[in-house]
Amino acid sequence: MSKPVIVLNELTKSYGKHRGIENISFTVEQGEVFGFIGPNGAGKSTTIRTLMGLLKPTGGTASVFGLDCGRQASEIAKDVGYLPSENCYYNSMKVKEMLLYTAELYGVDGHNRMEALAERLNLDLSRRIGDLSLGNKKKVGIVSALLPSPKLLIMDEPTTSLTDDETRVLFEIIRRLRASGVS
């Protein structure tokens, strides 16, 4: 039996009088591909941000790799590739500079991996971030999430602004990661 990678138990997040999520419980096992489907405002991004330790839960618990998402977020982040639904980058930086900066933050030599992923996704590393389309900015985020060779990949709206061909490439990358043991 595989080991749980993500465990949510009665997780709740309120924003004052408004509930973002209410009493969500589920477990994601190692190697499992898990997705949220729901309308805008259903709490998908709130749940993901809570898993990443960016939001503190109002109630219940959330853990990744057995670590508490609220108290041990920095430890969790070392092993998680995260693609938020929206990215904010330094517009004056070139894509390559931004990705090497990300690799440095993770403490990895991401040069070869960055170039291979950029080639697969048809991402021009020499362009300035501010000159990119939304789809190309999404590709920067995907490469950034994959640079540290994460044990777990958490992606929020990963296919937004991608073409059908780019989406197929992303799914193929995810299939290969899953085959190598990434959840």
N, C-alpha and C. Protein backbone atom coordinates (compact mmCIF):
# COMPACT_ATOMS: atom_id res chain seq x y z
N MET A 1 0.84 -1.19 0.00
CA MET A 1 0.00 0.00 0.00
C MET A 1 0.88 1.24 0.00
N SER A 2 0.52 2.22 -0.82
CA SER A 2 1.33 3.43 -0.91
C SER A 2 1.06 4.36 0.27
N LYS A 3 2.00 5.24 0.47
CA LYS A 3 1.97 6.19 1.57
C LYS A 3 1.21 7.45 1.16
N PRO A 4 0.35 7.99 2.03
CA PRO A 4 -0.33 9.24 1.67
C PRO A 4 0.66 10.39 1.51
N VAL A 5 0.47 11.17 0.47
CA VAL A 5 1.31 12.33 0.22
C VAL A 5 0.60 13.59 0.73
N ILE A 6 -0.70 13.65 0.50
CA ILE A 6 -1.53 14.79 0.95
C ILE A 6 -2.67 14.23 1.78
N VAL A 7 -2.91 14.85 2.93
CA VAL A 7 -4.05 14.48 3.78
C VAL A 7 -4.74 15.75 4.25
N LEU A 8 -6.01 15.89 3.91
CA LEU A 8 -6.85 16.97 4.41
C LEU A 8 -7.93 16.35 5.29
N ASN A 9 -8.14 16.95 6.46
CA ASN A 9 -9.14 16.44 7.38
C ASN A 9 -10.00 17.60 7.88
N GLU A 10 -11.25 17.65 7.39
CA GLU A 10 -12.20 18.68 7.80
C GLU A 10 -11.65 20.10 7.61
N LEU A 11 -10.88 20.29 6.55
CA LEU A 11 -10.24 21.57 6.29
C LEU A 11 -11.28 22.65 5.98
N THR A 12 -11.14 23.78 6.66
CA THR A 12 -12.05 24.92 6.48
C THR A 12 -11.21 26.18 6.40
N LYS A 13 -11.60 27.08 5.52
CA LYS A 13 -10.97 28.39 5.43
C LYS A 13 -12.07 29.42 5.25
N SER A 14 -12.14 30.35 6.20
CA SER A 14 -13.12 31.43 6.13
C SER A 14 -12.40 32.74 5.90
N TYR A 15 -13.08 33.62 5.20
CA TYR A 15 -12.63 34.99 4.99
C TYR A 15 -13.67 35.87 5.66
N GLY A 16 -13.51 36.10 6.94
CA GLY A 16 -14.53 36.84 7.69
C GLY A 16 -15.81 36.03 7.73
N LYS A 17 -16.89 36.60 7.21
CA LYS A 17 -18.18 35.91 7.20
C LYS A 17 -18.32 34.93 6.03
N HIS A 18 -17.40 34.99 5.07
CA HIS A 18 -17.48 34.16 3.88
C HIS A 18 -16.61 32.92 4.02
N ARG A 19 -17.15 31.79 3.59
CA ARG A 19 -16.39 30.55 3.61
C ARG A 19 -15.74 30.32 2.27
N GLY A 20 -14.43 30.10 2.28
CA GLY A 20 -13.71 29.74 1.06
C GLY A 20 -13.83 28.25 0.80
N ILE A 21 -13.62 27.47 1.86
CA ILE A 21 -13.80 26.02 1.81
C ILE A 21 -14.38 25.57 3.15
N GLU A 22 -15.13 24.48 3.13
CA GLU A 22 -15.78 24.03 4.35
C GLU A 22 -15.69 22.52 4.49
N ASN A 23 -14.99 22.09 5.53
CA ASN A 23 -14.92 20.68 5.92
C ASN A 23 -14.53 19.74 4.79
N ILE A 24 -13.44 20.06 4.10
CA ILE A 24 -12.95 19.22 3.02
C ILE A 24 -12.03 18.15 3.61
N SER A 25 -12.26 16.92 3.23
CA SER A 25 -11.41 15.81 3.65
C SER A 25 -11.10 14.93 2.46
N PHE A 26 -9.84 14.64 2.24
CA PHE A 26 -9.42 13.67 1.23
C PHE A 26 -7.97 13.31 1.45
N THR A 27 -7.55 12.23 0.79
CA THR A 27 -6.17 11.77 0.85
C THR A 27 -5.70 11.51 -0.58
N VAL A 28 -4.48 11.91 -0.87
CA VAL A 28 -3.86 11.63 -2.16
C VAL A 28 -2.66 10.72 -1.88
N GLU A 29 -2.66 9.57 -2.52
CA GLU A 29 -1.60 8.58 -2.32
C GLU A 29 -0.41 8.88 -3.25
N GLN A 30 0.73 8.35 -2.88
CA GLN A 30 1.93 8.50 -3.70
C GLN A 30 1.68 7.94 -5.10
N GLY A 31 2.06 8.71 -6.13
CA GLY A 31 1.89 8.29 -7.52
C GLY A 31 0.53 8.57 -8.10
N GLU A 32 -0.40 9.03 -7.29
CA GLU A 32 -1.76 9.29 -7.75
C GLU A 32 -1.83 10.67 -8.42
N VAL A 33 -2.63 10.76 -9.48
CA VAL A 33 -2.93 12.04 -10.10
C VAL A 33 -4.32 12.42 -9.61
N PHE A 34 -4.41 13.60 -9.02
CA PHE A 34 -5.65 14.04 -8.38
C PHE A 34 -5.99 15.42 -8.92
N GLY A 35 -7.24 15.64 -9.24
CA GLY A 35 -7.63 16.95 -9.77
C GLY A 35 -8.92 17.44 -9.15
N PHE A 36 -9.03 18.77 -9.08
CA PHE A 36 -10.25 19.43 -8.64
C PHE A 36 -11.00 19.91 -9.87
N ILE A 37 -12.29 19.68 -9.89
CA ILE A 37 -13.12 20.22 -10.95
C ILE A 37 -14.29 20.90 -10.26
N GLY A 38 -14.56 22.12 -10.66
CA GLY A 38 -15.68 22.85 -10.05
C GLY A 38 -15.77 24.25 -10.61
N PRO A 39 -16.87 24.91 -10.32
CA PRO A 39 -17.07 26.27 -10.83
C PRO A 39 -16.16 27.27 -10.12
N ASN A 40 -16.05 28.46 -10.72
CA ASN A 40 -15.30 29.55 -10.08
C ASN A 40 -15.89 29.78 -8.70
N GLY A 41 -15.01 30.00 -7.73
CA GLY A 41 -15.46 30.28 -6.38
C GLY A 41 -15.75 29.06 -5.54
N ALA A 42 -15.49 27.85 -6.08
CA ALA A 42 -15.79 26.62 -5.34
C ALA A 42 -14.75 26.31 -4.26
N GLY A 43 -13.59 26.98 -4.31
CA GLY A 43 -12.57 26.76 -3.30
C GLY A 43 -11.35 25.98 -3.75
N LYS A 44 -11.23 25.74 -5.04
CA LYS A 44 -10.10 24.96 -5.55
C LYS A 44 -8.77 25.66 -5.25
N SER A 45 -8.66 26.92 -5.63
CA SER A 45 -7.41 27.66 -5.40
C SER A 45 -7.16 27.88 -3.91
N THR A 46 -8.21 28.11 -3.14
CA THR A 46 -8.05 28.27 -1.69
C THR A 46 -7.49 27.00 -1.08
N THR A 47 -7.96 25.86 -1.51
CA THR A 47 -7.45 24.59 -1.00
C THR A 47 -5.97 24.43 -1.35
N ILE A 48 -5.62 24.73 -2.60
CA ILE A 48 -4.23 24.62 -3.04
C ILE A 48 -3.34 25.59 -2.28
N ARG A 49 -3.78 26.81 -2.11
CA ARG A 49 -2.98 27.80 -1.38
C ARG A 49 -2.80 27.41 0.08
N THR A 50 -3.80 26.75 0.65
CA THR A 50 -3.67 26.25 2.02
C THR A 50 -2.67 25.11 2.07
N LEU A 51 -2.70 24.21 1.09
CA LEU A 51 -1.72 23.13 1.02
C LEU A 51 -0.30 23.67 0.92
N MET A 52 -0.13 24.77 0.21
CA MET A 52 1.20 25.36 0.02
C MET A 52 1.62 26.23 1.20
N GLY A 53 0.75 26.39 2.19
CA GLY A 53 1.08 27.19 3.37
C GLY A 53 0.96 28.68 3.13
N LEU A 54 0.34 29.07 2.03
CA LEU A 54 0.16 30.49 1.72
C LEU A 54 -1.04 31.07 2.46
N LEU A 55 -1.97 30.21 2.84
CA LEU A 55 -3.12 30.58 3.65
C LEU A 55 -3.16 29.68 4.88
N LYS A 56 -3.58 30.22 5.98
CA LYS A 56 -3.72 29.44 7.21
C LYS A 56 -5.17 28.97 7.31
N PRO A 57 -5.39 27.70 7.61
CA PRO A 57 -6.76 27.22 7.73
C PRO A 57 -7.48 27.81 8.94
N THR A 58 -8.78 27.96 8.82
CA THR A 58 -9.61 28.39 9.94
C THR A 58 -9.92 27.21 10.83
N GLY A 59 -10.01 26.03 10.23
CA GLY A 59 -10.28 24.82 10.99
C GLY A 59 -9.78 23.60 10.23
N GLY A 60 -9.68 22.48 10.93
CA GLY A 60 -9.22 21.25 10.33
C GLY A 60 -7.71 21.23 10.14
N THR A 61 -7.24 20.23 9.41
CA THR A 61 -5.81 20.07 9.21
C THR A 61 -5.50 19.76 7.74
N ALA A 62 -4.28 20.10 7.36
CA ALA A 62 -3.77 19.78 6.03
C ALA A 62 -2.30 19.41 6.19
N SER A 63 -1.90 18.29 5.57
CA SER A 63 -0.50 17.89 5.63
C SER A 63 -0.03 17.39 4.27
N VAL A 64 1.25 17.60 4.02
CA VAL A 64 1.93 17.10 2.83
C VAL A 64 3.18 16.38 3.31
N PHE A 65 3.36 15.14 2.88
CA PHE A 65 4.49 14.31 3.32
C PHE A 65 4.50 14.16 4.85
N GLY A 66 3.32 14.21 5.47
CA GLY A 66 3.23 14.09 6.92
C GLY A 66 3.58 15.35 7.67
N LEU A 67 3.86 16.43 6.95
CA LEU A 67 4.23 17.71 7.57
C LEU A 67 3.03 18.66 7.56
N ASP A 68 2.83 19.40 8.63
CA ASP A 68 1.72 20.33 8.75
C ASP A 68 1.91 21.51 7.78
N CYS A 69 0.91 21.74 6.95
CA CYS A 69 1.01 22.79 5.92
C CYS A 69 1.13 24.19 6.50
N GLY A 70 0.57 24.42 7.65
CA GLY A 70 0.64 25.75 8.25
C GLY A 70 1.97 26.00 8.94
N ARG A 71 2.47 25.01 9.66
CA ARG A 71 3.68 25.21 10.47
C ARG A 71 4.96 24.82 9.76
N GLN A 72 4.90 23.96 8.75
CA GLN A 72 6.11 23.44 8.13
C GLN A 72 6.14 23.68 6.61
N ALA A 73 5.54 24.79 6.20
CA ALA A 73 5.42 25.09 4.76
C ALA A 73 6.78 25.19 4.07
N SER A 74 7.78 25.77 4.73
CA SER A 74 9.08 25.92 4.07
C SER A 74 9.75 24.56 3.84
N GLU A 75 9.54 23.61 4.74
CA GLU A 75 10.07 22.26 4.54
C GLU A 75 9.35 21.55 3.40
N ILE A 76 8.05 21.72 3.35
CA ILE A 76 7.23 21.11 2.29
C ILE A 76 7.65 21.66 0.93
N ALA A 77 7.86 22.98 0.86
CA ALA A 77 8.17 23.64 -0.42
C ALA A 77 9.42 23.10 -1.09
N LYS A 78 10.34 22.55 -0.32
CA LYS A 78 11.58 22.02 -0.89
C LYS A 78 11.32 20.84 -1.83
N ASP A 79 10.23 20.13 -1.60
CA ASP A 79 9.94 18.93 -2.38
C ASP A 79 8.72 19.05 -3.28
N VAL A 80 8.19 20.27 -3.38
CA VAL A 80 6.97 20.48 -4.16
C VAL A 80 7.22 21.47 -5.28
N GLY A 81 6.83 21.10 -6.49
CA GLY A 81 6.80 22.04 -7.60
C GLY A 81 5.41 22.65 -7.63
N TYR A 82 5.34 23.96 -7.59
CA TYR A 82 4.04 24.64 -7.48
C TYR A 82 3.85 25.61 -8.64
N LEU A 83 2.72 25.47 -9.31
CA LEU A 83 2.32 26.39 -10.36
C LEU A 83 1.04 27.09 -9.90
N PRO A 84 1.13 28.36 -9.49
CA PRO A 84 -0.09 29.07 -9.12
C PRO A 84 -0.93 29.37 -10.35
N SER A 85 -2.19 29.72 -10.13
CA SER A 85 -3.06 30.03 -11.27
C SER A 85 -2.59 31.28 -11.99
N GLU A 86 -2.00 32.22 -11.24
CA GLU A 86 -1.46 33.44 -11.84
C GLU A 86 -0.05 33.66 -11.32
N ASN A 87 0.84 34.04 -12.19
CA ASN A 87 2.22 34.30 -11.81
C ASN A 87 2.53 35.78 -11.91
N CYS A 88 3.37 36.24 -11.03
CA CYS A 88 3.88 37.61 -11.08
C CYS A 88 5.39 37.51 -11.22
N TYR A 89 5.91 38.01 -12.31
CA TYR A 89 7.34 37.94 -12.57
C TYR A 89 7.92 39.34 -12.68
N TYR A 90 9.25 39.39 -12.69
CA TYR A 90 9.95 40.63 -12.98
C TYR A 90 9.93 40.81 -14.49
N ASN A 91 9.14 41.73 -14.97
CA ASN A 91 8.94 41.89 -16.41
C ASN A 91 10.21 42.25 -17.17
N SER A 92 11.18 42.86 -16.52
CA SER A 92 12.40 43.26 -17.22
C SER A 92 13.39 42.10 -17.36
N MET A 93 13.18 41.01 -16.63
CA MET A 93 14.10 39.87 -16.71
C MET A 93 13.81 39.05 -17.96
N LYS A 94 14.85 38.40 -18.45
CA LYS A 94 14.66 37.44 -19.53
C LYS A 94 14.20 36.12 -18.91
N VAL A 95 13.54 35.31 -19.70
CA VAL A 95 13.02 34.03 -19.22
C VAL A 95 14.14 33.20 -18.60
N LYS A 96 15.27 33.11 -19.28
CA LYS A 96 16.39 32.31 -18.78
C LYS A 96 16.86 32.82 -17.42
N GLU A 97 16.97 34.14 -17.26
CA GLU A 97 17.39 34.72 -15.98
C GLU A 97 16.40 34.35 -14.88
N MET A 98 15.11 34.45 -15.18
CA MET A 98 14.07 34.15 -14.20
C MET A 98 14.14 32.68 -13.77
N LEU A 99 14.31 31.80 -14.73
CA LEU A 99 14.35 30.37 -14.41
C LEU A 99 15.63 29.99 -13.67
N LEU A 100 16.74 30.60 -14.02
CA LEU A 100 17.98 30.32 -13.27
C LEU A 100 17.89 30.86 -11.85
N TYR A 101 17.20 31.98 -11.68
CA TYR A 101 16.94 32.54 -10.35
C TYR A 101 16.10 31.56 -9.53
N THR A 102 15.09 31.00 -10.14
CA THR A 102 14.25 30.00 -9.47
C THR A 102 15.08 28.78 -9.08
N ALA A 103 15.89 28.29 -9.99
CA ALA A 103 16.75 27.13 -9.69
C ALA A 103 17.66 27.43 -8.52
N GLU A 104 18.20 28.64 -8.49
CA GLU A 104 19.08 29.03 -7.38
C GLU A 104 18.32 29.03 -6.05
N LEU A 105 17.09 29.50 -6.06
CA LEU A 105 16.28 29.49 -4.84
C LEU A 105 16.07 28.07 -4.31
N TYR A 106 15.93 27.12 -5.22
CA TYR A 106 15.78 25.72 -4.83
C TYR A 106 17.12 25.05 -4.53
N GLY A 107 18.22 25.73 -4.87
CA GLY A 107 19.53 25.15 -4.64
C GLY A 107 19.88 24.03 -5.60
N VAL A 108 19.39 24.14 -6.83
CA VAL A 108 19.67 23.12 -7.84
C VAL A 108 20.33 23.76 -9.06
N ASP A 109 21.07 22.95 -9.80
CA ASP A 109 21.61 23.39 -11.07
C ASP A 109 20.57 23.04 -12.12
N GLY A 110 19.75 23.98 -12.48
CA GLY A 110 18.63 23.71 -13.36
C GLY A 110 18.88 24.00 -14.81
N HIS A 111 20.13 24.30 -15.18
CA HIS A 111 20.42 24.74 -16.55
C HIS A 111 19.97 23.72 -17.60
N ASN A 112 20.42 22.47 -17.48
CA ASN A 112 20.09 21.46 -18.50
C ASN A 112 18.60 21.15 -18.50
N ARG A 113 18.02 21.01 -17.31
CA ARG A 113 16.58 20.71 -17.20
C ARG A 113 15.76 21.86 -17.78
N MET A 114 16.17 23.10 -17.49
CA MET A 114 15.48 24.28 -18.00
C MET A 114 15.47 24.26 -19.53
N GLU A 115 16.62 24.01 -20.12
CA GLU A 115 16.70 24.03 -21.58
C GLU A 115 15.87 22.90 -22.21
N ALA A 116 15.90 21.72 -21.61
CA ALA A 116 15.13 20.60 -22.14
C ALA A 116 13.63 20.87 -22.05
N LEU A 117 13.17 21.37 -20.90
CA LEU A 117 11.75 21.67 -20.74
C LEU A 117 11.32 22.81 -21.65
N ALA A 118 12.15 23.85 -21.76
CA ALA A 118 11.82 24.97 -22.64
C ALA A 118 11.69 24.51 -24.10
N GLU A 119 12.58 23.61 -24.50
CA GLU A 119 12.50 23.08 -25.86
C GLU A 119 11.21 22.29 -26.06
N ARG A 120 10.87 21.43 -25.10
CA ARG A 120 9.63 20.63 -25.21
C ARG A 120 8.39 21.51 -25.30
N LEU A 121 8.40 22.63 -24.55
CA LEU A 121 7.25 23.52 -24.51
C LEU A 121 7.33 24.67 -25.51
N ASN A 122 8.40 24.68 -26.33
CA ASN A 122 8.60 25.73 -27.32
C ASN A 122 8.60 27.12 -26.66
N LEU A 123 9.43 27.24 -25.62
CA LEU A 123 9.54 28.48 -24.86
C LEU A 123 10.88 29.14 -25.16
N ASP A 124 10.84 30.36 -25.64
CA ASP A 124 12.05 31.11 -26.00
C ASP A 124 12.67 31.70 -24.73
N LEU A 125 13.84 31.18 -24.35
CA LEU A 125 14.51 31.60 -23.13
C LEU A 125 15.12 32.99 -23.21
N SER A 126 15.27 33.52 -24.41
CA SER A 126 15.95 34.81 -24.58
C SER A 126 15.00 36.01 -24.51
N ARG A 127 13.71 35.76 -24.47
CA ARG A 127 12.73 36.86 -24.45
C ARG A 127 12.56 37.44 -23.06
N ARG A 128 12.17 38.69 -23.00
CA ARG A 128 11.87 39.35 -21.74
C ARG A 128 10.48 38.91 -21.28
N ILE A 129 10.33 38.71 -19.98
CA ILE A 129 9.06 38.27 -19.41
C ILE A 129 7.93 39.22 -19.81
N GLY A 130 8.18 40.53 -19.73
CA GLY A 130 7.15 41.51 -20.04
C GLY A 130 6.66 41.47 -21.48
N ASP A 131 7.42 40.83 -22.36
CA ASP A 131 7.03 40.74 -23.77
C ASP A 131 6.29 39.45 -24.11
N LEU A 132 6.08 38.60 -23.12
CA LEU A 132 5.46 37.29 -23.36
C LEU A 132 3.94 37.35 -23.34
N SER A 133 3.34 36.47 -24.11
CA SER A 133 1.89 36.27 -24.06
C SER A 133 1.54 35.56 -22.76
N LEU A 134 0.26 35.50 -22.42
CA LEU A 134 -0.18 34.78 -21.22
C LEU A 134 0.20 33.30 -21.29
N GLY A 135 0.08 32.71 -22.47
CA GLY A 135 0.43 31.30 -22.64
C GLY A 135 1.91 31.05 -22.39
N ASN A 136 2.77 31.94 -22.90
CA ASN A 136 4.20 31.79 -22.66
C ASN A 136 4.57 32.05 -21.20
N LYS A 137 3.87 32.96 -20.55
CA LYS A 137 4.09 33.17 -19.12
C LYS A 137 3.69 31.92 -18.34
N LYS A 138 2.63 31.26 -18.77
CA LYS A 138 2.21 30.01 -18.13
C LYS A 138 3.30 28.95 -18.29
N LYS A 139 3.92 28.91 -19.48
CA LYS A 139 5.00 27.95 -19.71
C LYS A 139 6.20 28.24 -18.83
N VAL A 140 6.49 29.51 -18.57
CA VAL A 140 7.57 29.87 -17.64
C VAL A 140 7.24 29.28 -16.26
N GLY A 141 5.99 29.43 -15.84
CA GLY A 141 5.57 28.88 -14.56
C GLY A 141 5.68 27.37 -14.50
N ILE A 142 5.34 26.70 -15.58
CA ILE A 142 5.43 25.23 -15.64
C ILE A 142 6.89 24.80 -15.51
N VAL A 143 7.77 25.42 -16.29
CA VAL A 143 9.19 25.07 -16.22
C VAL A 143 9.72 25.36 -14.82
N SER A 144 9.33 26.48 -14.26
CA SER A 144 9.76 26.85 -12.91
C SER A 144 9.33 25.81 -11.88
N ALA A 145 8.11 25.31 -12.00
CA ALA A 145 7.61 24.29 -11.07
C ALA A 145 8.34 22.96 -11.21
N LEU A 146 8.80 22.67 -12.42
CA LEU A 146 9.46 21.39 -12.68
C LEU A 146 10.97 21.42 -12.48
N LEU A 147 11.57 22.60 -12.40
CA LEU A 147 13.03 22.72 -12.30
C LEU A 147 13.65 21.93 -11.15
N PRO A 148 13.07 21.95 -9.95
CA PRO A 148 13.74 21.27 -8.84
C PRO A 148 13.56 19.76 -8.82
N SER A 149 12.98 19.17 -9.87
CA SER A 149 12.66 17.74 -9.88
C SER A 149 11.86 17.37 -8.63
N PRO A 150 10.67 17.95 -8.49
CA PRO A 150 9.89 17.78 -7.26
C PRO A 150 9.37 16.36 -7.05
N LYS A 151 9.11 16.03 -5.79
CA LYS A 151 8.47 14.76 -5.43
C LYS A 151 6.96 14.86 -5.62
N LEU A 152 6.45 16.08 -5.56
CA LEU A 152 5.02 16.35 -5.70
C LEU A 152 4.86 17.57 -6.57
N LEU A 153 3.91 17.53 -7.48
CA LEU A 153 3.63 18.65 -8.37
C LEU A 153 2.21 19.12 -8.10
N ILE A 154 2.06 20.39 -7.72
CA ILE A 154 0.75 20.98 -7.47
C ILE A 154 0.58 22.11 -8.47
N MET A 155 -0.45 21.98 -9.31
CA MET A 155 -0.67 22.96 -10.37
C MET A 155 -2.10 23.48 -10.29
N ASP A 156 -2.24 24.79 -10.31
CA ASP A 156 -3.54 25.44 -10.27
C ASP A 156 -3.82 26.01 -11.66
N GLU A 157 -4.82 25.47 -12.32
CA GLU A 157 -5.19 25.87 -13.68
C GLU A 157 -4.01 25.80 -14.64
N PRO A 158 -3.38 24.64 -14.75
CA PRO A 158 -2.15 24.53 -15.54
C PRO A 158 -2.31 24.72 -17.04
N THR A 159 -3.50 24.50 -17.57
CA THR A 159 -3.66 24.59 -19.02
C THR A 159 -4.24 25.91 -19.49
N THR A 160 -4.56 26.81 -18.57
CA THR A 160 -5.09 28.12 -18.96
C THR A 160 -4.09 28.83 -19.86
N SER A 161 -4.56 29.32 -20.97
CA SER A 161 -3.79 30.08 -21.97
C SER A 161 -2.86 29.21 -22.82
N LEU A 162 -2.89 27.89 -22.66
CA LEU A 162 -2.08 27.01 -23.51
C LEU A 162 -2.90 26.57 -24.71
N THR A 163 -2.22 26.33 -25.82
CA THR A 163 -2.89 25.77 -26.99
C THR A 163 -3.15 24.28 -26.75
N ASP A 164 -3.93 23.67 -27.61
CA ASP A 164 -4.19 22.23 -27.50
C ASP A 164 -2.89 21.43 -27.59
N ASP A 165 -2.01 21.81 -28.51
CA ASP A 165 -0.73 21.10 -28.65
C ASP A 165 0.13 21.26 -27.40
N GLU A 166 0.18 22.46 -26.84
CA GLU A 166 0.96 22.70 -25.62
C GLU A 166 0.38 21.93 -24.44
N THR A 167 -0.95 21.83 -24.39
CA THR A 167 -1.60 21.06 -23.34
C THR A 167 -1.23 19.58 -23.46
N ARG A 168 -1.20 19.05 -24.68
CA ARG A 168 -0.80 17.65 -24.89
C ARG A 168 0.64 17.43 -24.42
N VAL A 169 1.53 18.36 -24.72
CA VAL A 169 2.93 18.25 -24.28
C VAL A 169 2.98 18.26 -22.75
N LEU A 170 2.25 19.16 -22.11
CA LEU A 170 2.22 19.21 -20.65
C LEU A 170 1.73 17.89 -20.07
N PHE A 171 0.67 17.34 -20.61
CA PHE A 171 0.15 16.07 -20.11
C PHE A 171 1.14 14.93 -20.30
N GLU A 172 1.89 14.97 -21.39
CA GLU A 172 2.92 13.95 -21.62
C GLU A 172 4.04 14.10 -20.58
N ILE A 173 4.43 15.32 -20.28
CA ILE A 173 5.44 15.55 -19.23
C ILE A 173 4.93 15.01 -17.89
N ILE A 174 3.67 15.28 -17.58
CA ILE A 174 3.08 14.79 -16.32
C ILE A 174 3.03 13.27 -16.30
N ARG A 175 2.67 12.64 -17.42
CA ARG A 175 2.65 11.17 -17.49
C ARG A 175 4.04 10.59 -17.21
N ARG A 176 5.05 11.21 -17.79
CA ARG A 176 6.43 10.72 -17.56
C ARG A 176 6.86 10.92 -16.11
N LEU A 177 6.48 12.05 -15.54
CA LEU A 177 6.80 12.29 -14.13
C LEU A 177 6.12 11.26 -13.23
N ARG A 178 4.86 10.97 -13.54
CA ARG A 178 4.13 9.99 -12.74
C ARG A 178 4.81 8.62 -12.82
N ALA A 179 5.25 8.26 -14.01
CA ALA A 179 5.93 6.97 -14.20
C ALA A 179 7.23 6.91 -13.40
N SER A 180 7.82 8.08 -13.13
CA SER A 180 9.06 8.12 -12.36
C SER A 180 8.81 8.27 -10.86
N GLY A 181 7.53 8.30 -10.45
CA GLY A 181 7.20 8.32 -9.03
C GLY A 181 6.77 9.66 -8.47
N VAL A 182 6.67 10.69 -9.30
CA VAL A 182 6.22 11.99 -8.82
C VAL A 182 4.70 11.95 -8.68
N SER A 183 4.20 12.51 -7.57
CA SER A 183 2.75 12.55 -7.35
C SER A 183 2.17 13.84 -7.90
